[in-house]
Protein backbone atom coordinates (compact mmCIF):
# COMPACT_ATOMS: atom_id res chain seq x y z
CA UNK A 1 13.59 9.98 -45.48
CA UNK A 2 15.32 8.07 -48.25
CA UNK A 3 19.01 7.22 -48.14
CA UNK A 4 19.69 9.89 -50.75
CA UNK A 5 18.22 12.49 -48.38
CA UNK A 6 20.31 11.49 -45.35
CA UNK A 7 23.79 12.66 -44.48
CA UNK A 8 26.55 10.10 -44.77
CA UNK A 9 27.20 9.28 -41.14
CA UNK A 10 30.92 8.83 -41.86
CA UNK A 11 31.27 12.26 -43.50
CA UNK A 12 33.16 14.95 -41.57
CA UNK A 13 31.01 16.92 -39.14
CA UNK A 14 28.01 14.58 -39.11
CA UNK A 15 26.64 13.92 -35.63
CA UNK A 16 24.29 11.01 -34.93
CA UNK A 17 21.95 11.75 -32.05
CA UNK A 18 20.70 8.92 -29.82
CA UNK A 19 17.37 8.95 -31.71
CA UNK A 20 19.23 8.25 -34.97
CA UNK A 21 18.77 11.75 -36.37
CA UNK A 22 21.81 13.01 -38.28
CA UNK A 23 22.90 16.67 -38.22
CA UNK A 24 25.94 18.15 -39.90
CA UNK A 25 28.02 20.71 -38.06
CA UNK A 26 30.25 22.82 -40.25
CA UNK A 27 32.77 25.66 -40.29
CA UNK A 28 31.65 28.39 -42.67
CA UNK A 29 35.26 29.50 -43.11
CA UNK A 30 35.87 26.28 -45.02
CA UNK A 31 33.87 26.19 -48.25
CA UNK A 32 31.90 23.09 -49.18
CA UNK A 33 33.85 20.67 -51.33
CA UNK A 34 32.71 20.36 -54.94
CA UNK A 35 30.00 17.73 -55.15
CA UNK A 36 29.44 17.64 -51.38
CA UNK A 37 25.80 17.20 -50.41
CA UNK A 38 23.98 20.35 -49.46
CA UNK A 39 21.44 20.67 -46.67
CA UNK A 40 17.75 21.15 -47.20
CA UNK A 41 17.80 23.42 -44.12
CA UNK A 42 20.63 25.23 -42.37
CA UNK A 43 20.91 27.36 -39.27
CA UNK A 44 23.80 29.79 -39.10
CA UNK A 45 25.21 31.10 -35.84
CA UNK A 46 26.94 34.38 -36.56
CA UNK A 47 27.26 37.87 -35.13
CA UNK A 48 26.28 39.37 -38.49
CA UNK A 49 23.76 38.23 -41.07
CA UNK A 50 25.11 35.25 -43.04
CA UNK A 51 25.51 35.21 -46.81
CA UNK A 52 22.58 33.87 -48.80
CA UNK A 53 22.48 30.16 -49.56
CA UNK A 54 20.39 28.29 -52.15
CA UNK A 55 18.55 26.25 -49.49
CA UNK A 56 16.15 27.22 -46.75
CA UNK A 57 17.99 28.71 -43.81
CA UNK A 58 17.72 30.59 -40.56
CA UNK A 59 20.05 32.85 -38.61
CA UNK A 60 20.68 33.08 -34.90
CA UNK A 61 22.57 36.24 -33.98
CA UNK A 62 25.38 34.68 -31.99
CA UNK A 63 28.71 36.55 -31.74
CA UNK A 64 31.90 34.48 -31.67
CA UNK A 65 32.80 33.08 -28.21
CA UNK A 66 29.49 34.35 -26.82
CA UNK A 67 25.90 33.18 -26.37
CA UNK A 68 22.85 33.79 -28.56
CA UNK A 69 21.57 37.36 -28.47
CA UNK A 70 17.94 36.14 -28.24
CA UNK A 71 17.79 32.92 -26.25
CA UNK A 72 14.08 32.32 -26.89
CA UNK A 73 14.63 32.59 -30.65
CA UNK A 74 17.68 30.29 -30.37
CA UNK A 75 15.67 27.70 -28.47
CA UNK A 76 12.87 27.80 -31.05
CA UNK A 77 15.28 27.47 -33.98
CA UNK A 78 17.22 24.63 -32.35
CA UNK A 79 13.93 22.83 -31.70
CA UNK A 80 13.21 23.28 -35.42
CA UNK A 81 16.65 21.81 -36.24
CA UNK A 82 15.83 18.77 -34.11
CA UNK A 83 12.36 18.38 -35.62
CA UNK A 84 13.51 18.71 -39.23
CA UNK A 85 16.50 16.40 -38.77
CA UNK A 86 14.04 13.50 -38.53
CA UNK A 87 13.31 13.78 -42.26
CA UNK A 88 15.70 16.31 -43.82
CA UNK A 89 19.41 17.04 -44.22
CA UNK A 90 19.99 19.77 -41.65
CA UNK A 91 23.22 21.58 -40.86
CA UNK A 92 24.27 23.96 -38.11
CA UNK A 93 27.32 26.13 -38.75
CA UNK A 94 29.37 29.03 -37.42
CA UNK A 95 32.67 30.51 -38.50
CA UNK A 96 34.96 27.85 -37.06
CA UNK A 97 32.47 25.04 -36.53
CA UNK A 98 33.42 24.34 -32.91
CA UNK A 99 32.29 26.80 -30.22
CA UNK A 100 28.89 28.05 -31.30
CA UNK A 101 28.21 25.03 -33.50
CA UNK A 102 29.22 22.62 -30.74
CA UNK A 103 27.09 24.51 -28.24
CA UNK A 104 24.07 24.39 -30.56
CA UNK A 105 24.60 20.68 -31.27
CA UNK A 106 24.82 19.98 -27.53
CA UNK A 107 21.51 21.82 -27.04
CA UNK A 108 19.94 19.78 -29.83
CA UNK A 109 21.30 16.64 -28.11
CA UNK A 110 19.46 17.75 -24.94
CA UNK A 111 16.27 18.04 -26.99
CA UNK A 112 16.97 14.50 -28.23
CA UNK A 113 17.13 13.15 -24.68
CA UNK A 114 20.79 13.47 -23.69
CA UNK A 115 20.91 14.75 -20.08
CA UNK A 116 22.01 18.41 -20.10
CA UNK A 117 24.92 17.62 -17.75
CA UNK A 118 26.25 15.08 -20.31
CA UNK A 119 25.51 16.87 -23.58
CA UNK A 120 28.86 18.66 -23.97
CA UNK A 121 30.74 15.40 -23.43
CA UNK A 122 28.44 13.66 -25.92
CA UNK A 123 29.14 16.25 -28.62
CA UNK A 124 32.88 16.23 -27.90
CA UNK A 125 32.91 12.44 -28.18
CA UNK A 126 30.79 12.20 -31.35
CA UNK A 127 31.40 15.49 -33.20
CA UNK A 128 34.59 17.37 -32.25
CA UNK A 129 36.72 16.97 -29.14
CA UNK A 130 37.17 20.77 -28.99
CA UNK A 131 33.46 21.60 -29.30
CA UNK A 132 31.89 24.08 -26.87
CA UNK A 133 34.82 26.40 -26.22
CA UNK A 134 33.95 28.66 -23.28
CA UNK A 135 32.76 28.17 -19.70
CA UNK A 136 29.60 30.22 -20.41
CA UNK A 137 28.81 28.05 -23.45
CA UNK A 138 29.11 24.92 -21.24
CA UNK A 139 26.88 26.58 -18.62
CA UNK A 140 24.33 27.51 -21.33
CA UNK A 141 24.09 23.84 -22.36
CA UNK A 142 23.75 22.65 -18.74
CA UNK A 143 20.83 25.07 -18.28
CA UNK A 144 19.20 24.24 -21.61
CA UNK A 145 16.11 22.17 -20.87
C-alpha cells in the first residue's frame, strides 16, 4: 500500500490496530467533508439497505442498538474488513458511528490479535470512548473468537 492509499492516522475516526492496519469508523449521519478521502471498500451496519456509494461496499443487516441479524455473515464480512485493511482504505460505518461501528471495530481488533476480553477497552481508548453502547454488544465482542 502506498501512502496515498492509506488513511491519515490522525484523521477523525481512524483506528490503528496492533498489526498496523488502519480502519476508519464513521457516522453515516454526518456526510463526508468535501475533499475527504474515500474508502476503496466500506461495510455498512444498518437495519435497512444502505444508499449506494461509488466504491465497493457490503452491508450487514444490523438494527440500531442490536446485534447483526446473521452472525455468520457478519463474521465473514468483518474478516474481509481485516484482510483488506492490510492493503486498502477500508471503512466501517453505522448511523451514529459508535455502537454498531464500535462493536464491529472491536471484533476486527479480536481478529487482529487483541484478546476478546480487552477489545472493547482497546476500541474505546483508540477510537471513541463511547464505542460499543449496550451490554449485549459488549457480550458479543467477548464471545467473538
